C-alpha atoms as a PDB file:
ATOM      1  CA  UNK A   1     -15.421  -9.182   3.631  1.00  0.00           C
ATOM      2  CA  UNK A   2     -14.095  -6.589   6.036  1.00  0.00           C
ATOM      3  CA  UNK A   3     -10.838  -5.193   4.722  1.00  0.00           C
ATOM      4  CA  UNK A   4      -8.234  -4.220   7.318  1.00  0.00           C
ATOM      5  CA  UNK A   5      -7.270  -0.573   6.920  1.00  0.00           C
ATOM      6  CA  UNK A   6      -4.701   1.863   8.208  1.00  0.00           C
ATOM      7  CA  UNK A   7      -4.993   5.646   8.139  1.00  0.00           C
ATOM      8  CA  UNK A   8      -2.227   7.886   6.858  1.00  0.00           C
ATOM      9  CA  UNK A   9      -1.618   9.117  10.404  1.00  0.00           C
ATOM     10  CA  UNK A  10      -1.262   5.524  11.650  1.00  0.00           C
ATOM     11  CA  UNK A  11       1.097   4.761   8.762  1.00  0.00           C
ATOM     12  CA  UNK A  12       3.251   7.757   9.627  1.00  0.00           C
ATOM     13  CA  UNK A  13       3.455   6.564  13.264  1.00  0.00           C
ATOM     14  CA  UNK A  14       4.220   3.003  12.132  1.00  0.00           C
ATOM     15  CA  UNK A  15       7.033   4.272   9.919  1.00  0.00           C
ATOM     16  CA  UNK A  16       8.435   6.544  12.660  1.00  0.00           C
ATOM     17  CA  UNK A  17       8.457   3.614  15.092  1.00  0.00           C
ATOM     18  CA  UNK A  18      10.886   1.741  12.864  1.00  0.00           C
ATOM     19  CA  UNK A  19       8.474  -1.142  12.329  1.00  0.00           C
ATOM     20  CA  UNK A  20       9.271  -3.371   9.401  1.00  0.00           C
ATOM     21  CA  UNK A  21       6.687  -3.403   6.628  1.00  0.00           C
ATOM     22  CA  UNK A  22       6.411  -3.375   2.870  1.00  0.00           C
ATOM     23  CA  UNK A  23       4.653  -0.448   1.260  1.00  0.00           C
ATOM     24  CA  UNK A  24       3.036  -1.786  -1.908  1.00  0.00           C
ATOM     25  CA  UNK A  25       1.915   0.674  -4.587  1.00  0.00           C
ATOM     26  CA  UNK A  26      -0.667  -0.871  -6.932  1.00  0.00           C
ATOM     27  CA  UNK A  27      -1.044   2.137  -9.233  1.00  0.00           C
ATOM     28  CA  UNK A  28       0.164   2.254 -12.820  1.00  0.00           C
ATOM     29  CA  UNK A  29       3.748   3.184 -13.735  1.00  0.00           C
ATOM     30  CA  UNK A  30       2.735   6.609 -15.068  1.00  0.00           C
ATOM     31  CA  UNK A  31       1.026   7.439 -11.759  1.00  0.00           C
ATOM     32  CA  UNK A  32       4.074   6.215  -9.828  1.00  0.00           C
ATOM     33  CA  UNK A  33       6.386   8.358 -11.972  1.00  0.00           C
ATOM     34  CA  UNK A  34       4.287  11.448 -11.205  1.00  0.00           C
ATOM     35  CA  UNK A  35       4.336  11.016  -7.450  1.00  0.00           C
ATOM     36  CA  UNK A  36       5.158   8.142  -5.128  1.00  0.00           C
ATOM     37  CA  UNK A  37       5.922   7.261  -1.529  1.00  0.00           C
ATOM     38  CA  UNK A  38       8.873   5.060  -2.457  1.00  0.00           C
ATOM     39  CA  UNK A  39       7.047   1.752  -2.143  1.00  0.00           C
ATOM     40  CA  UNK A  40       7.326  -1.322  -4.329  1.00  0.00           C
ATOM     41  CA  UNK A  41       5.407  -0.778  -7.556  1.00  0.00           C
ATOM     42  CA  UNK A  42       3.297  -3.725  -8.671  1.00  0.00           C
ATOM     43  CA  UNK A  43       0.361  -2.457 -10.740  1.00  0.00           C
ATOM     44  CA  UNK A  44      -2.925  -4.029  -9.677  1.00  0.00           C
ATOM     45  CA  UNK A  45      -3.341  -5.684 -13.070  1.00  0.00           C
ATOM     46  CA  UNK A  46       0.007  -7.513 -12.565  1.00  0.00           C
ATOM     47  CA  UNK A  47      -0.483  -8.518  -8.936  1.00  0.00           C
ATOM     48  CA  UNK A  48      -1.631 -12.101  -9.496  1.00  0.00           C
ATOM     49  CA  UNK A  49       1.391 -12.792 -11.735  1.00  0.00           C
ATOM     50  CA  UNK A  50       3.885 -11.274  -9.281  1.00  0.00           C
ATOM     51  CA  UNK A  51       2.837 -12.859  -5.967  1.00  0.00           C
ATOM     52  CA  UNK A  52       6.253 -14.517  -5.740  1.00  0.00           C
ATOM     53  CA  UNK A  53       7.822 -11.100  -5.108  1.00  0.00           C
ATOM     54  CA  UNK A  54       5.911 -10.724  -1.837  1.00  0.00           C
ATOM     55  CA  UNK A  55       6.727 -12.228   1.563  1.00  0.00           C
ATOM     56  CA  UNK A  56       3.630 -13.819   3.103  1.00  0.00           C
ATOM     57  CA  UNK A  57       4.976 -13.259   6.612  1.00  0.00           C
ATOM     58  CA  UNK A  58       5.747  -9.570   6.232  1.00  0.00           C
ATOM     59  CA  UNK A  59       3.328  -6.787   7.084  1.00  0.00           C
ATOM     60  CA  UNK A  60       2.165  -5.228   3.803  1.00  0.00           C
ATOM     61  CA  UNK A  61       0.507  -1.819   3.530  1.00  0.00           C
ATOM     62  CA  UNK A  62      -1.147  -1.392   0.124  1.00  0.00           C
ATOM     63  CA  UNK A  63      -2.001   1.901  -1.501  1.00  0.00           C
ATOM     64  CA  UNK A  64      -3.241   3.364  -4.761  1.00  0.00           C
ATOM     65  CA  UNK A  65      -4.524   6.824  -5.589  1.00  0.00           C
ATOM     66  CA  UNK A  66      -7.695   6.964  -3.473  1.00  0.00           C
ATOM     67  CA  UNK A  67      -8.163   3.475  -2.029  1.00  0.00           C
ATOM     68  CA  UNK A  68     -10.245   1.522  -4.559  1.00  0.00           C
ATOM     69  CA  UNK A  69      -7.595  -0.589  -6.263  1.00  0.00           C
ATOM     70  CA  UNK A  70      -5.693  -1.075  -3.029  1.00  0.00           C
ATOM     71  CA  UNK A  71      -8.879  -2.300  -1.339  1.00  0.00           C
ATOM     72  CA  UNK A  72      -9.324  -4.909  -4.092  1.00  0.00           C
ATOM     73  CA  UNK A  73      -5.626  -5.799  -3.843  1.00  0.00           C
ATOM     74  CA  UNK A  74      -5.965  -6.239  -0.077  1.00  0.00           C
ATOM     75  CA  UNK A  75      -8.972  -8.537  -0.544  1.00  0.00           C
ATOM     76  CA  UNK A  76      -7.048 -10.506  -3.177  1.00  0.00           C
ATOM     77  CA  UNK A  77      -3.932 -10.937  -1.032  1.00  0.00           C
ATOM     78  CA  UNK A  78      -5.994 -11.984   1.993  1.00  0.00           C
ATOM     79  CA  UNK A  79      -7.657 -14.634  -0.190  1.00  0.00           C
ATOM     80  CA  UNK A  80      -4.210 -15.774  -1.349  1.00  0.00           C
ATOM     81  CA  UNK A  81      -3.056 -16.409   2.220  1.00  0.00           C
ATOM     82  CA  UNK A  82      -1.298 -13.144   3.073  1.00  0.00           C
ATOM     83  CA  UNK A  83      -2.450 -12.604   6.689  1.00  0.00           C
ATOM     84  CA  UNK A  84      -0.794  -9.240   7.418  1.00  0.00           C
ATOM     85  CA  UNK A  85      -2.091  -6.906   4.716  1.00  0.00           C
ATOM     86  CA  UNK A  86      -3.864  -3.585   5.194  1.00  0.00           C
ATOM     87  CA  UNK A  87      -5.318  -1.017   2.841  1.00  0.00           C
ATOM     88  CA  UNK A  88      -4.162   2.595   3.175  1.00  0.00           C
ATOM     89  CA  UNK A  89      -7.437   4.442   3.651  1.00  0.00           C
ATOM     90  CA  UNK A  90      -7.687   7.280   1.124  1.00  0.00           C
ATOM     91  CA  UNK A  91      -4.498   6.243  -0.670  1.00  0.00           C
ATOM     92  CA  UNK A  92      -1.718   8.572  -1.746  1.00  0.00           C
ATOM     93  CA  UNK A  93      -4.306  11.318  -2.145  1.00  0.00           C
ATOM     94  CA  UNK A  94      -4.978  11.254   1.617  1.00  0.00           C
ATOM     95  CA  UNK A  95      -1.228  11.137   2.289  1.00  0.00           C
ATOM     96  CA  UNK A  96      -0.618  14.225   0.135  1.00  0.00           C
ATOM     97  CA  UNK A  97      -3.532  16.126   1.709  1.00  0.00           C
ATOM     98  CA  UNK A  98      -2.941  15.180   5.331  1.00  0.00           C
ATOM     99  CA  UNK A  99       0.799  14.463   5.673  1.00  0.00           C
ATOM    100  CA  UNK A 100       2.363  16.337   2.770  1.00  0.00           C
ATOM    101  CA  UNK A 101       3.851  15.785  -0.661  1.00  0.00           C
ATOM    102  CA  UNK A 102       7.464  16.129   0.406  1.00  0.00           C
ATOM    103  CA  UNK A 103       7.387  13.319   2.928  1.00  0.00           C
ATOM    104  CA  UNK A 104       7.832   9.900   1.319  1.00  0.00           C
ATOM    105  CA  UNK A 105       7.720   6.792   3.490  1.00  0.00           C
ATOM    106  CA  UNK A 106      10.610   4.850   2.024  1.00  0.00           C
END
């Protein structure tokens, strides 16, 4: 299955445009506490139990540390009928390296 992706540069442009989207962080709470972009934290392991917290009609950008968990989360949400989900390519690691640590999204 091809997983829709967005680069960190595209995400920065999307955010600057004022577009409405949900940034979903699927890392663990300890990772989120260390560094985050201000998104909604739902650890990957809890995602199936917390689907009710997500709006199926809203654009959802999913990220983790480097892109592995968020890719699986994107595949899962697509299979669950969420049509507007995309994986953040390279995760928060790419964001920190290419955009900067002091620039959260939310």
